[in-house]
N, C-alpha and C. Protein backbone atom coordinates (compact mmCIF):
# COMPACT_ATOMS: atom_id res chain seq x y z
N UNK A 1 12.35 -19.16 -5.06
CA UNK A 1 12.75 -18.07 -4.18
C UNK A 1 12.14 -18.25 -2.79
N UNK A 2 12.91 -17.99 -1.77
CA UNK A 2 12.47 -18.14 -0.39
C UNK A 2 11.90 -16.81 0.08
N UNK A 3 10.58 -16.68 0.11
CA UNK A 3 9.92 -15.42 0.48
C UNK A 3 10.21 -15.02 1.94
N UNK A 4 10.31 -16.05 2.81
CA UNK A 4 10.59 -15.74 4.23
C UNK A 4 11.99 -15.09 4.35
N UNK A 5 12.95 -15.68 3.64
CA UNK A 5 14.34 -15.17 3.65
C UNK A 5 14.40 -13.78 3.05
N UNK A 6 13.68 -13.59 1.93
CA UNK A 6 13.66 -12.25 1.28
C UNK A 6 13.01 -11.22 2.19
N UNK A 7 11.93 -11.60 2.87
CA UNK A 7 11.24 -10.70 3.78
C UNK A 7 12.13 -10.26 4.93
N UNK A 8 12.87 -11.21 5.47
CA UNK A 8 13.78 -10.89 6.58
C UNK A 8 14.91 -9.96 6.12
N UNK A 9 15.36 -10.20 4.88
CA UNK A 9 16.40 -9.37 4.30
C UNK A 9 15.94 -7.92 4.10
N UNK A 10 14.71 -7.81 3.60
CA UNK A 10 14.11 -6.46 3.41
C UNK A 10 14.01 -5.74 4.76
N UNK A 11 13.55 -6.47 5.79
CA UNK A 11 13.41 -5.86 7.11
C UNK A 11 14.75 -5.41 7.65
N UNK A 12 15.78 -6.26 7.50
CA UNK A 12 17.13 -5.91 7.98
C UNK A 12 17.68 -4.67 7.28
N UNK A 13 17.50 -4.64 5.93
CA UNK A 13 17.99 -3.50 5.14
C UNK A 13 17.26 -2.21 5.52
N UNK A 14 15.97 -2.35 5.73
CA UNK A 14 15.14 -1.19 6.13
C UNK A 14 15.63 -0.62 7.45
N UNK A 15 15.89 -1.50 8.41
CA UNK A 15 16.32 -1.10 9.74
C UNK A 15 17.70 -0.45 9.68
N UNK A 16 18.59 -0.99 8.82
CA UNK A 16 19.93 -0.43 8.64
C UNK A 16 19.84 1.00 8.13
N UNK A 17 18.82 1.28 7.33
CA UNK A 17 18.63 2.62 6.77
C UNK A 17 17.88 3.53 7.76
N UNK A 18 17.49 2.96 8.92
CA UNK A 18 16.79 3.78 9.93
C UNK A 18 15.38 4.14 9.53
N UNK A 19 14.75 3.30 8.73
CA UNK A 19 13.39 3.56 8.26
C UNK A 19 12.38 2.68 8.96
N UNK A 20 11.20 3.25 9.24
CA UNK A 20 10.11 2.44 9.73
C UNK A 20 9.35 1.86 8.51
N UNK A 21 8.47 0.91 8.74
CA UNK A 21 7.68 0.36 7.66
C UNK A 21 6.85 1.47 6.99
N UNK A 22 6.33 2.38 7.80
CA UNK A 22 5.50 3.48 7.30
C UNK A 22 6.32 4.42 6.43
N UNK A 23 7.56 4.73 6.85
CA UNK A 23 8.42 5.61 6.10
C UNK A 23 8.81 5.01 4.74
N UNK A 24 9.14 3.71 4.77
CA UNK A 24 9.49 3.03 3.53
C UNK A 24 8.27 3.00 2.59
N UNK A 25 7.11 2.75 3.15
CA UNK A 25 5.87 2.67 2.36
C UNK A 25 5.59 4.03 1.71
N UNK A 26 5.79 5.13 2.46
CA UNK A 26 5.56 6.48 1.93
C UNK A 26 6.49 6.80 0.76
N UNK A 27 7.73 6.37 0.88
CA UNK A 27 8.71 6.60 -0.19
C UNK A 27 8.31 5.87 -1.48
N UNK A 28 7.66 4.72 -1.30
CA UNK A 28 7.27 3.87 -2.44
C UNK A 28 5.85 4.15 -2.93
N UNK A 29 5.11 4.95 -2.13
CA UNK A 29 3.72 5.27 -2.50
C UNK A 29 2.78 4.09 -2.31
N UNK A 30 3.06 3.28 -1.28
CA UNK A 30 2.20 2.13 -0.98
C UNK A 30 1.83 2.18 0.50
N UNK A 31 1.10 1.17 0.98
CA UNK A 31 0.70 1.16 2.41
C UNK A 31 1.75 0.40 3.21
N UNK A 32 1.78 0.70 4.51
CA UNK A 32 2.72 0.01 5.38
C UNK A 32 2.31 -1.48 5.55
N UNK A 33 1.03 -1.80 5.28
CA UNK A 33 0.60 -3.19 5.34
C UNK A 33 1.27 -4.01 4.27
N UNK A 34 1.51 -3.39 3.07
CA UNK A 34 2.20 -4.10 2.01
C UNK A 34 3.62 -4.43 2.40
N UNK A 35 4.29 -3.45 3.02
CA UNK A 35 5.65 -3.67 3.50
C UNK A 35 5.68 -4.76 4.55
N UNK A 36 4.73 -4.73 5.44
CA UNK A 36 4.62 -5.76 6.51
C UNK A 36 4.44 -7.15 5.90
N UNK A 37 3.66 -7.26 4.84
CA UNK A 37 3.46 -8.56 4.17
C UNK A 37 4.75 -9.05 3.55
N UNK A 38 5.55 -8.13 2.97
CA UNK A 38 6.84 -8.54 2.41
C UNK A 38 7.72 -9.10 3.50
N UNK A 39 7.82 -8.37 4.58
CA UNK A 39 8.77 -8.73 5.64
C UNK A 39 8.35 -10.00 6.39
N UNK A 40 7.05 -10.34 6.32
CA UNK A 40 6.62 -11.59 6.95
C UNK A 40 6.62 -12.75 5.94
N UNK A 41 7.04 -12.46 4.72
CA UNK A 41 7.12 -13.52 3.72
C UNK A 41 5.81 -13.95 3.14
N UNK A 42 4.78 -13.11 3.29
CA UNK A 42 3.44 -13.42 2.77
C UNK A 42 3.31 -13.03 1.31
N UNK A 43 4.02 -11.94 0.91
CA UNK A 43 3.93 -11.45 -0.48
C UNK A 43 5.28 -10.93 -0.89
N UNK A 44 5.40 -10.72 -2.24
CA UNK A 44 6.64 -10.18 -2.79
C UNK A 44 6.39 -8.78 -3.31
N UNK A 45 7.42 -7.92 -3.32
CA UNK A 45 7.26 -6.59 -3.90
C UNK A 45 6.86 -6.70 -5.37
N UNK A 46 5.99 -5.83 -5.83
CA UNK A 46 5.58 -5.81 -7.23
C UNK A 46 6.78 -5.41 -8.11
N UNK A 47 6.86 -5.98 -9.29
CA UNK A 47 8.00 -5.70 -10.20
C UNK A 47 8.10 -4.21 -10.54
N UNK A 48 6.95 -3.50 -10.54
CA UNK A 48 6.95 -2.09 -10.90
C UNK A 48 7.67 -1.19 -9.90
N UNK A 49 7.80 -1.65 -8.65
CA UNK A 49 8.48 -0.83 -7.64
C UNK A 49 9.78 -1.48 -7.14
N UNK A 50 10.13 -2.63 -7.73
CA UNK A 50 11.29 -3.34 -7.24
C UNK A 50 12.57 -2.56 -7.37
N UNK A 51 12.79 -1.89 -8.51
CA UNK A 51 14.01 -1.11 -8.70
C UNK A 51 14.09 0.05 -7.71
N UNK A 52 12.94 0.72 -7.50
CA UNK A 52 12.90 1.83 -6.55
C UNK A 52 13.18 1.35 -5.13
N UNK A 53 12.62 0.20 -4.77
CA UNK A 53 12.88 -0.39 -3.44
C UNK A 53 14.37 -0.68 -3.26
N UNK A 54 14.96 -1.28 -4.29
CA UNK A 54 16.39 -1.61 -4.21
C UNK A 54 17.23 -0.35 -4.09
N UNK A 55 16.84 0.71 -4.80
CA UNK A 55 17.58 1.97 -4.73
C UNK A 55 17.51 2.56 -3.32
N UNK A 56 16.31 2.51 -2.71
CA UNK A 56 16.13 3.05 -1.36
C UNK A 56 16.96 2.26 -0.36
N UNK A 57 16.99 0.94 -0.53
CA UNK A 57 17.68 0.09 0.43
C UNK A 57 19.19 -0.11 0.08
N UNK A 58 19.59 0.49 -1.07
CA UNK A 58 20.99 0.38 -1.51
C UNK A 58 21.40 -1.07 -1.73
N UNK A 59 20.57 -1.83 -2.38
CA UNK A 59 20.87 -3.22 -2.74
C UNK A 59 20.57 -3.45 -4.24
N UNK A 60 21.06 -4.56 -4.76
CA UNK A 60 20.77 -4.91 -6.15
C UNK A 60 19.52 -5.76 -6.21
N UNK A 61 18.94 -5.87 -7.39
CA UNK A 61 17.76 -6.76 -7.57
C UNK A 61 18.13 -8.20 -7.26
N UNK A 62 19.33 -8.59 -7.68
CA UNK A 62 19.80 -9.97 -7.39
C UNK A 62 19.86 -10.24 -5.88
N UNK A 63 20.35 -9.25 -5.15
CA UNK A 63 20.41 -9.38 -3.68
C UNK A 63 19.02 -9.48 -3.09
N UNK A 64 18.11 -8.66 -3.61
CA UNK A 64 16.73 -8.67 -3.13
C UNK A 64 16.11 -10.04 -3.36
N UNK A 65 16.22 -10.57 -4.55
CA UNK A 65 15.59 -11.85 -4.91
C UNK A 65 16.31 -13.03 -4.27
N UNK A 66 17.59 -12.84 -3.91
CA UNK A 66 18.33 -13.90 -3.23
C UNK A 66 18.11 -13.86 -1.70
N UNK A 67 17.73 -12.67 -1.24
CA UNK A 67 17.50 -12.51 0.20
C UNK A 67 18.79 -12.40 1.00
N UNK A 68 19.86 -11.96 0.36
CA UNK A 68 21.16 -11.82 1.07
C UNK A 68 22.10 -10.94 0.24
N UNK A 69 23.13 -10.42 0.90
CA UNK A 69 24.15 -9.64 0.22
C UNK A 69 25.01 -10.57 -0.64
N UNK A 70 25.38 -10.11 -1.82
CA UNK A 70 26.16 -10.94 -2.74
C UNK A 70 27.46 -10.21 -3.06
N UNK A 71 28.59 -10.91 -2.81
CA UNK A 71 29.86 -10.28 -3.17
C UNK A 71 30.15 -10.55 -4.65
N UNK A 72 31.13 -9.86 -5.19
CA UNK A 72 31.42 -9.94 -6.62
C UNK A 72 31.80 -11.37 -7.06
N UNK A 73 32.53 -12.09 -6.22
CA UNK A 73 32.99 -13.42 -6.55
C UNK A 73 31.84 -14.40 -6.77
N UNK A 74 30.79 -14.24 -5.96
CA UNK A 74 29.64 -15.19 -6.02
C UNK A 74 28.53 -14.70 -6.93
N UNK A 75 28.73 -13.53 -7.54
CA UNK A 75 27.62 -12.91 -8.28
C UNK A 75 27.14 -13.78 -9.46
N UNK A 76 28.10 -14.29 -10.27
CA UNK A 76 27.69 -15.10 -11.44
C UNK A 76 26.97 -16.38 -11.01
N UNK A 77 27.47 -17.00 -9.96
CA UNK A 77 26.84 -18.23 -9.46
C UNK A 77 25.41 -17.94 -8.97
N UNK A 78 25.25 -16.85 -8.25
CA UNK A 78 23.93 -16.46 -7.76
C UNK A 78 22.97 -16.12 -8.90
N UNK A 79 23.52 -15.46 -9.93
CA UNK A 79 22.69 -15.14 -11.11
C UNK A 79 22.15 -16.39 -11.74
N UNK A 80 23.00 -17.40 -11.94
CA UNK A 80 22.60 -18.66 -12.54
C UNK A 80 21.56 -19.34 -11.69
N UNK A 81 21.80 -19.38 -10.38
CA UNK A 81 20.87 -20.02 -9.47
C UNK A 81 19.52 -19.32 -9.46
N UNK A 82 19.54 -18.00 -9.51
CA UNK A 82 18.31 -17.21 -9.52
C UNK A 82 17.52 -17.46 -10.80
N UNK A 83 18.21 -17.51 -11.93
CA UNK A 83 17.56 -17.75 -13.22
C UNK A 83 16.90 -19.14 -13.24
N UNK A 84 17.59 -20.13 -12.66
CA UNK A 84 17.04 -21.48 -12.58
C UNK A 84 15.79 -21.51 -11.74
N UNK A 85 15.84 -20.84 -10.60
CA UNK A 85 14.68 -20.79 -9.69
C UNK A 85 13.50 -20.10 -10.36
N UNK A 86 13.78 -19.03 -11.09
CA UNK A 86 12.69 -18.28 -11.77
C UNK A 86 12.09 -19.14 -12.89
N UNK A 87 12.93 -19.88 -13.60
CA UNK A 87 12.45 -20.78 -14.66
C UNK A 87 11.54 -21.86 -14.08
N UNK A 88 11.95 -22.41 -12.92
CA UNK A 88 11.16 -23.44 -12.26
C UNK A 88 9.80 -22.89 -11.82
N UNK A 89 9.82 -21.70 -11.26
CA UNK A 89 8.57 -21.07 -10.79
C UNK A 89 7.64 -20.77 -11.99
N UNK A 90 8.22 -20.32 -13.12
CA UNK A 90 7.40 -20.05 -14.31
C UNK A 90 6.80 -21.35 -14.83
N UNK A 91 7.62 -22.42 -14.85
CA UNK A 91 7.11 -23.69 -15.32
C UNK A 91 5.98 -24.21 -14.43
N UNK A 92 6.14 -24.04 -13.13
CA UNK A 92 5.11 -24.45 -12.16
C UNK A 92 3.81 -23.65 -12.38
N UNK A 93 3.98 -22.36 -12.58
CA UNK A 93 2.82 -21.47 -12.82
C UNK A 93 2.11 -21.87 -14.11
N UNK A 94 2.89 -22.13 -15.16
CA UNK A 94 2.30 -22.52 -16.44
C UNK A 94 1.51 -23.82 -16.33
N UNK A 95 2.04 -24.77 -15.56
CA UNK A 95 1.35 -26.05 -15.39
C UNK A 95 0.05 -25.85 -14.64
N UNK A 96 0.06 -24.95 -13.64
CA UNK A 96 -1.15 -24.64 -12.88
C UNK A 96 -2.23 -24.04 -13.79
N UNK A 97 -1.81 -23.08 -14.62
CA UNK A 97 -2.75 -22.46 -15.59
C UNK A 97 -3.26 -23.48 -16.58
N UNK A 98 -2.37 -24.35 -17.05
CA UNK A 98 -2.75 -25.40 -18.00
C UNK A 98 -3.78 -26.34 -17.42
N UNK A 99 -3.55 -26.75 -16.17
CA UNK A 99 -4.51 -27.66 -15.51
C UNK A 99 -5.87 -26.97 -15.30
N UNK A 100 -5.82 -25.66 -14.97
CA UNK A 100 -7.05 -24.90 -14.80
C UNK A 100 -7.84 -24.82 -16.09
N UNK A 101 -7.09 -24.64 -17.20
CA UNK A 101 -7.72 -24.57 -18.54
C UNK A 101 -8.45 -25.85 -18.86
N UNK A 102 -7.78 -27.01 -18.62
CA UNK A 102 -8.41 -28.30 -18.92
C UNK A 102 -9.59 -28.57 -17.99
N UNK A 103 -9.53 -28.14 -16.74
CA UNK A 103 -10.63 -28.34 -15.81
C UNK A 103 -11.86 -27.55 -16.27
N UNK A 104 -11.64 -26.30 -16.67
CA UNK A 104 -12.76 -25.45 -17.15
C UNK A 104 -13.39 -26.09 -18.38
N UNK A 105 -12.55 -26.50 -19.33
CA UNK A 105 -13.05 -27.11 -20.57
C UNK A 105 -13.85 -28.38 -20.28
N UNK A 106 -13.31 -29.23 -19.42
CA UNK A 106 -13.99 -30.52 -19.11
C UNK A 106 -15.33 -30.29 -18.45
N UNK A 107 -15.36 -29.44 -17.42
CA UNK A 107 -16.61 -29.16 -16.70
C UNK A 107 -17.65 -28.52 -17.64
N UNK A 108 -17.19 -27.61 -18.50
CA UNK A 108 -18.12 -26.94 -19.43
C UNK A 108 -18.74 -27.92 -20.43
N UNK A 109 -17.91 -28.77 -21.01
CA UNK A 109 -18.40 -29.73 -22.00
C UNK A 109 -19.33 -30.74 -21.38
N UNK A 110 -18.94 -31.27 -20.20
CA UNK A 110 -19.80 -32.24 -19.49
C UNK A 110 -21.14 -31.60 -19.11
N UNK A 111 -21.06 -30.34 -18.62
CA UNK A 111 -22.29 -29.61 -18.26
C UNK A 111 -23.20 -29.37 -19.45
N UNK A 112 -22.60 -29.01 -20.57
CA UNK A 112 -23.38 -28.77 -21.78
C UNK A 112 -24.07 -30.06 -22.27
N UNK A 113 -23.30 -31.14 -22.36
CA UNK A 113 -23.87 -32.42 -22.83
C UNK A 113 -24.97 -32.90 -21.88
N UNK A 114 -24.66 -32.80 -20.57
CA UNK A 114 -25.65 -33.24 -19.57
C UNK A 114 -26.91 -32.40 -19.62
N UNK A 115 -26.75 -31.09 -19.75
CA UNK A 115 -27.90 -30.17 -19.80
C UNK A 115 -28.77 -30.44 -21.04
N UNK A 116 -28.15 -30.65 -22.21
CA UNK A 116 -28.90 -30.92 -23.42
C UNK A 116 -29.63 -32.23 -23.28
N UNK A 117 -28.99 -33.25 -22.69
CA UNK A 117 -29.65 -34.56 -22.50
C UNK A 117 -30.87 -34.43 -21.59
N UNK A 118 -30.77 -33.60 -20.54
CA UNK A 118 -31.91 -33.42 -19.62
C UNK A 118 -33.04 -32.70 -20.32
N UNK A 119 -32.69 -31.63 -21.08
CA UNK A 119 -33.71 -30.87 -21.81
C UNK A 119 -34.40 -31.77 -22.83
N UNK A 120 -33.63 -32.55 -23.57
CA UNK A 120 -34.20 -33.41 -24.60
C UNK A 120 -35.13 -34.48 -24.02
N UNK A 121 -34.81 -34.91 -22.79
CA UNK A 121 -35.57 -35.98 -22.14
C UNK A 121 -36.84 -35.46 -21.48
N UNK A 122 -36.73 -34.29 -20.84
CA UNK A 122 -37.85 -33.80 -20.03
C UNK A 122 -38.73 -32.75 -20.71
N UNK A 123 -38.20 -32.02 -21.68
CA UNK A 123 -38.97 -30.94 -22.26
C UNK A 123 -39.64 -31.40 -23.57
N UNK A 124 -40.86 -30.98 -23.82
CA UNK A 124 -41.50 -31.31 -25.09
C UNK A 124 -40.87 -30.49 -26.24
N UNK A 125 -40.91 -31.05 -27.41
CA UNK A 125 -40.34 -30.34 -28.56
C UNK A 125 -41.13 -29.04 -28.82
N UNK A 126 -40.38 -28.04 -29.22
CA UNK A 126 -41.00 -26.75 -29.50
C UNK A 126 -40.05 -25.61 -29.27
N UNK A 127 -40.54 -24.39 -29.34
CA UNK A 127 -39.64 -23.21 -29.22
C UNK A 127 -38.92 -23.12 -27.83
N UNK A 128 -39.63 -23.57 -26.77
CA UNK A 128 -39.00 -23.49 -25.44
C UNK A 128 -37.81 -24.43 -25.31
N UNK A 129 -37.88 -25.55 -26.03
CA UNK A 129 -36.73 -26.45 -26.02
C UNK A 129 -35.52 -25.77 -26.69
N UNK A 130 -35.79 -25.08 -27.80
CA UNK A 130 -34.69 -24.38 -28.50
C UNK A 130 -34.12 -23.29 -27.63
N UNK A 131 -35.00 -22.55 -26.91
CA UNK A 131 -34.54 -21.51 -26.00
C UNK A 131 -33.67 -22.11 -24.90
N UNK A 132 -34.08 -23.24 -24.36
CA UNK A 132 -33.34 -23.87 -23.29
C UNK A 132 -31.98 -24.35 -23.78
N UNK A 133 -31.93 -24.94 -24.97
CA UNK A 133 -30.66 -25.42 -25.55
C UNK A 133 -29.72 -24.26 -25.82
N UNK A 134 -30.29 -23.16 -26.37
CA UNK A 134 -29.48 -21.96 -26.66
C UNK A 134 -28.89 -21.40 -25.37
N UNK A 135 -29.74 -21.35 -24.31
CA UNK A 135 -29.29 -20.84 -23.00
C UNK A 135 -28.14 -21.71 -22.43
N UNK A 136 -28.32 -23.01 -22.57
CA UNK A 136 -27.26 -23.93 -22.11
C UNK A 136 -25.96 -23.71 -22.84
N UNK A 137 -26.05 -23.50 -24.14
CA UNK A 137 -24.87 -23.26 -24.95
C UNK A 137 -24.14 -22.00 -24.51
N UNK A 138 -24.90 -20.94 -24.24
CA UNK A 138 -24.30 -19.69 -23.78
C UNK A 138 -23.65 -19.87 -22.42
N UNK A 139 -24.38 -20.52 -21.49
CA UNK A 139 -23.87 -20.69 -20.13
C UNK A 139 -22.63 -21.56 -20.07
N UNK A 140 -22.63 -22.65 -20.82
CA UNK A 140 -21.54 -23.60 -20.72
C UNK A 140 -20.41 -23.40 -21.74
N UNK A 141 -20.66 -22.66 -22.80
CA UNK A 141 -19.58 -22.45 -23.78
C UNK A 141 -18.82 -21.15 -23.50
N UNK A 142 -19.44 -20.22 -22.78
CA UNK A 142 -18.73 -18.96 -22.44
C UNK A 142 -17.43 -19.24 -21.66
N UNK A 143 -17.40 -20.16 -20.67
CA UNK A 143 -16.14 -20.44 -20.00
C UNK A 143 -15.07 -21.00 -20.93
N UNK A 144 -15.49 -21.59 -22.05
CA UNK A 144 -14.50 -22.14 -22.99
C UNK A 144 -13.66 -21.02 -23.61
N UNK A 145 -14.27 -19.85 -23.80
CA UNK A 145 -13.51 -18.71 -24.34
C UNK A 145 -12.46 -18.23 -23.35
N UNK A 146 -12.81 -18.33 -22.05
CA UNK A 146 -11.80 -17.97 -21.02
C UNK A 146 -10.72 -19.03 -20.97
N UNK A 147 -11.11 -20.31 -21.15
CA UNK A 147 -10.14 -21.41 -21.16
C UNK A 147 -9.15 -21.22 -22.31
N UNK A 148 -9.63 -20.75 -23.47
CA UNK A 148 -8.76 -20.48 -24.58
C UNK A 148 -7.77 -19.37 -24.25
N UNK A 149 -8.23 -18.35 -23.52
CA UNK A 149 -7.35 -17.25 -23.10
C UNK A 149 -6.23 -17.79 -22.22
N UNK A 150 -6.55 -18.73 -21.34
CA UNK A 150 -5.55 -19.36 -20.48
C UNK A 150 -4.57 -20.18 -21.35
N UNK A 151 -5.11 -20.88 -22.33
CA UNK A 151 -4.26 -21.69 -23.22
C UNK A 151 -3.23 -20.84 -23.94
N UNK A 152 -3.69 -19.67 -24.48
CA UNK A 152 -2.81 -18.79 -25.23
C UNK A 152 -1.76 -18.13 -24.31
N UNK A 153 -2.11 -17.92 -23.05
CA UNK A 153 -1.24 -17.18 -22.14
C UNK A 153 0.01 -17.94 -21.69
N UNK A 154 0.01 -19.25 -21.89
CA UNK A 154 1.20 -20.03 -21.48
C UNK A 154 1.85 -20.70 -22.68
N UNK A 155 3.17 -20.82 -22.63
CA UNK A 155 3.91 -21.54 -23.66
C UNK A 155 3.76 -20.94 -25.03
N UNK A 156 3.85 -21.79 -26.07
CA UNK A 156 3.80 -21.34 -27.44
C UNK A 156 3.30 -22.52 -28.30
N UNK A 157 3.13 -22.24 -29.60
CA UNK A 157 2.76 -23.27 -30.56
C UNK A 157 3.95 -23.46 -31.51
N UNK A 158 4.37 -24.72 -31.68
CA UNK A 158 5.56 -25.02 -32.45
C UNK A 158 5.21 -25.32 -33.91
N UNK A 159 5.84 -24.57 -34.84
CA UNK A 159 5.64 -24.76 -36.28
C UNK A 159 6.28 -26.08 -36.69
N UNK A 160 5.52 -26.94 -37.40
CA UNK A 160 6.05 -28.21 -37.83
C UNK A 160 7.04 -28.07 -39.01
N UNK A 161 6.98 -26.95 -39.72
CA UNK A 161 7.88 -26.73 -40.85
C UNK A 161 9.28 -26.34 -40.43
N UNK A 162 9.37 -25.28 -39.62
CA UNK A 162 10.70 -24.75 -39.27
C UNK A 162 11.05 -24.83 -37.77
N UNK A 163 10.07 -25.26 -36.96
CA UNK A 163 10.35 -25.38 -35.53
C UNK A 163 10.24 -24.10 -34.76
N UNK A 164 9.86 -23.00 -35.44
CA UNK A 164 9.72 -21.70 -34.76
C UNK A 164 8.57 -21.77 -33.76
N UNK A 165 8.73 -21.12 -32.61
CA UNK A 165 7.69 -21.12 -31.57
C UNK A 165 6.84 -19.85 -31.70
N UNK A 166 5.55 -20.08 -32.01
CA UNK A 166 4.63 -19.00 -32.31
C UNK A 166 3.80 -18.66 -31.04
N UNK A 167 3.69 -17.37 -30.75
CA UNK A 167 2.82 -16.90 -29.69
C UNK A 167 1.75 -16.04 -30.33
N UNK A 168 0.61 -16.64 -30.68
CA UNK A 168 -0.43 -15.87 -31.39
C UNK A 168 -1.22 -14.98 -30.46
N UNK A 169 -1.96 -14.04 -31.02
CA UNK A 169 -2.90 -13.24 -30.25
C UNK A 169 -4.12 -14.12 -29.93
N UNK A 170 -4.94 -13.65 -29.02
CA UNK A 170 -6.17 -14.39 -28.66
C UNK A 170 -7.05 -14.58 -29.89
N UNK A 171 -7.21 -13.54 -30.69
CA UNK A 171 -8.09 -13.63 -31.86
C UNK A 171 -7.54 -14.57 -32.91
N UNK A 172 -6.20 -14.58 -33.09
CA UNK A 172 -5.59 -15.52 -34.04
C UNK A 172 -5.84 -16.96 -33.64
N UNK A 173 -5.71 -17.23 -32.34
CA UNK A 173 -5.96 -18.59 -31.82
C UNK A 173 -7.42 -18.94 -31.92
N UNK A 174 -8.30 -17.98 -31.63
CA UNK A 174 -9.75 -18.22 -31.67
C UNK A 174 -10.21 -18.54 -33.10
N UNK A 175 -9.65 -17.85 -34.08
CA UNK A 175 -10.07 -18.03 -35.48
C UNK A 175 -9.40 -19.20 -36.17
N UNK A 176 -8.40 -19.76 -35.55
CA UNK A 176 -7.66 -20.88 -36.18
C UNK A 176 -8.39 -22.20 -35.97
N UNK A 177 -8.36 -23.03 -37.01
CA UNK A 177 -8.89 -24.39 -36.87
C UNK A 177 -8.03 -25.10 -35.82
N UNK A 178 -8.65 -26.04 -35.10
CA UNK A 178 -7.85 -26.70 -34.08
C UNK A 178 -8.28 -28.16 -33.88
N UNK A 179 -7.32 -28.92 -33.37
CA UNK A 179 -7.57 -30.29 -32.93
C UNK A 179 -7.03 -30.35 -31.52
N UNK A 180 -7.92 -30.20 -30.53
CA UNK A 180 -7.49 -30.11 -29.14
C UNK A 180 -6.70 -28.83 -28.97
N UNK A 181 -5.44 -28.92 -28.54
CA UNK A 181 -4.63 -27.73 -28.37
C UNK A 181 -3.62 -27.54 -29.52
N UNK A 182 -3.79 -28.30 -30.60
CA UNK A 182 -3.00 -28.12 -31.80
C UNK A 182 -3.78 -27.24 -32.77
N UNK A 183 -3.18 -26.14 -33.21
CA UNK A 183 -3.91 -25.13 -34.02
C UNK A 183 -3.24 -24.90 -35.36
N UNK A 184 -4.08 -24.62 -36.35
CA UNK A 184 -3.62 -24.36 -37.72
C UNK A 184 -3.26 -22.87 -37.82
N UNK A 185 -1.96 -22.56 -37.70
CA UNK A 185 -1.51 -21.18 -37.64
C UNK A 185 -0.52 -20.86 -38.75
N UNK A 186 -0.41 -19.59 -39.06
CA UNK A 186 0.59 -19.11 -40.01
C UNK A 186 1.85 -18.75 -39.26
N UNK A 187 2.97 -19.34 -39.65
CA UNK A 187 4.25 -19.09 -38.98
C UNK A 187 4.87 -17.78 -39.51
N UNK A 188 5.22 -16.83 -38.63
CA UNK A 188 5.80 -15.59 -39.12
C UNK A 188 7.24 -15.73 -39.65
N UNK A 189 7.86 -16.88 -39.34
CA UNK A 189 9.24 -17.10 -39.80
C UNK A 189 9.29 -17.69 -41.19
N UNK A 190 8.60 -18.84 -41.40
CA UNK A 190 8.64 -19.48 -42.71
C UNK A 190 7.46 -19.06 -43.60
N UNK A 191 6.54 -18.27 -43.01
CA UNK A 191 5.36 -17.73 -43.75
C UNK A 191 4.45 -18.80 -44.33
N UNK A 192 4.39 -19.96 -43.66
CA UNK A 192 3.52 -21.07 -44.12
C UNK A 192 2.54 -21.43 -43.01
N UNK A 193 1.36 -21.89 -43.43
CA UNK A 193 0.40 -22.36 -42.46
C UNK A 193 0.59 -23.86 -42.21
N UNK A 194 0.52 -24.25 -40.95
CA UNK A 194 0.68 -25.65 -40.62
C UNK A 194 0.02 -25.92 -39.28
N UNK A 195 -0.15 -27.19 -38.96
CA UNK A 195 -0.67 -27.56 -37.66
C UNK A 195 0.44 -27.41 -36.60
N UNK A 196 0.20 -26.51 -35.67
CA UNK A 196 1.24 -26.16 -34.68
C UNK A 196 0.84 -26.75 -33.32
N UNK A 197 1.71 -27.56 -32.79
CA UNK A 197 1.42 -28.23 -31.51
C UNK A 197 1.78 -27.31 -30.34
N UNK A 198 0.92 -27.36 -29.32
CA UNK A 198 1.13 -26.51 -28.13
C UNK A 198 2.26 -27.08 -27.29
N UNK A 199 3.19 -26.20 -26.90
CA UNK A 199 4.26 -26.60 -25.97
C UNK A 199 4.23 -25.60 -24.83
N UNK A 200 4.39 -26.11 -23.62
CA UNK A 200 4.32 -25.22 -22.44
C UNK A 200 5.54 -24.36 -22.29
N UNK A 201 6.68 -24.86 -22.66
CA UNK A 201 7.93 -24.12 -22.45
C UNK A 201 8.22 -23.23 -23.66
N UNK A 202 8.32 -21.88 -23.44
CA UNK A 202 8.60 -20.96 -24.54
C UNK A 202 10.05 -21.09 -24.95
């Protein structure tokens, strides 16, 4: 989606309605700075107010997201194009989250191993060494729980038995045995437990 084009379209529709940025903002219960950001292509309207915005401007959601008026003849074509663009943006977002998850995991594990090696080399054996190792585990393993949250938030896990795509809760994923991002989960469709491989596309 072209945010600059959408922003210009919002500004044009607002002016056609004889509204200032402040007046439009008041109708939506937001600040005029938010409207200004939309119209400059810096941000997009939040989904929670998109329908209300479209109603005020007398446009459809498709027209808003396309950044132009759509006649009936071109509506289906625009719908398909919009769905493709949204799918591409979701895929791009998922890949970004996925890369962030692996970065967090890698840095945490390297930090933990490095920290334990330093403690083992420089500290004498005793209770303080155990305290230091425990502290390192807390510091460097805590981000791994956040990384798991990122892992669960994108894509799904594919059941090897029936091919059903499973989207588990955070606790289900946390409690499941795993090999990398492949987890031993119970499929709600075939009701069997199996090793389910992570796939980014739902």
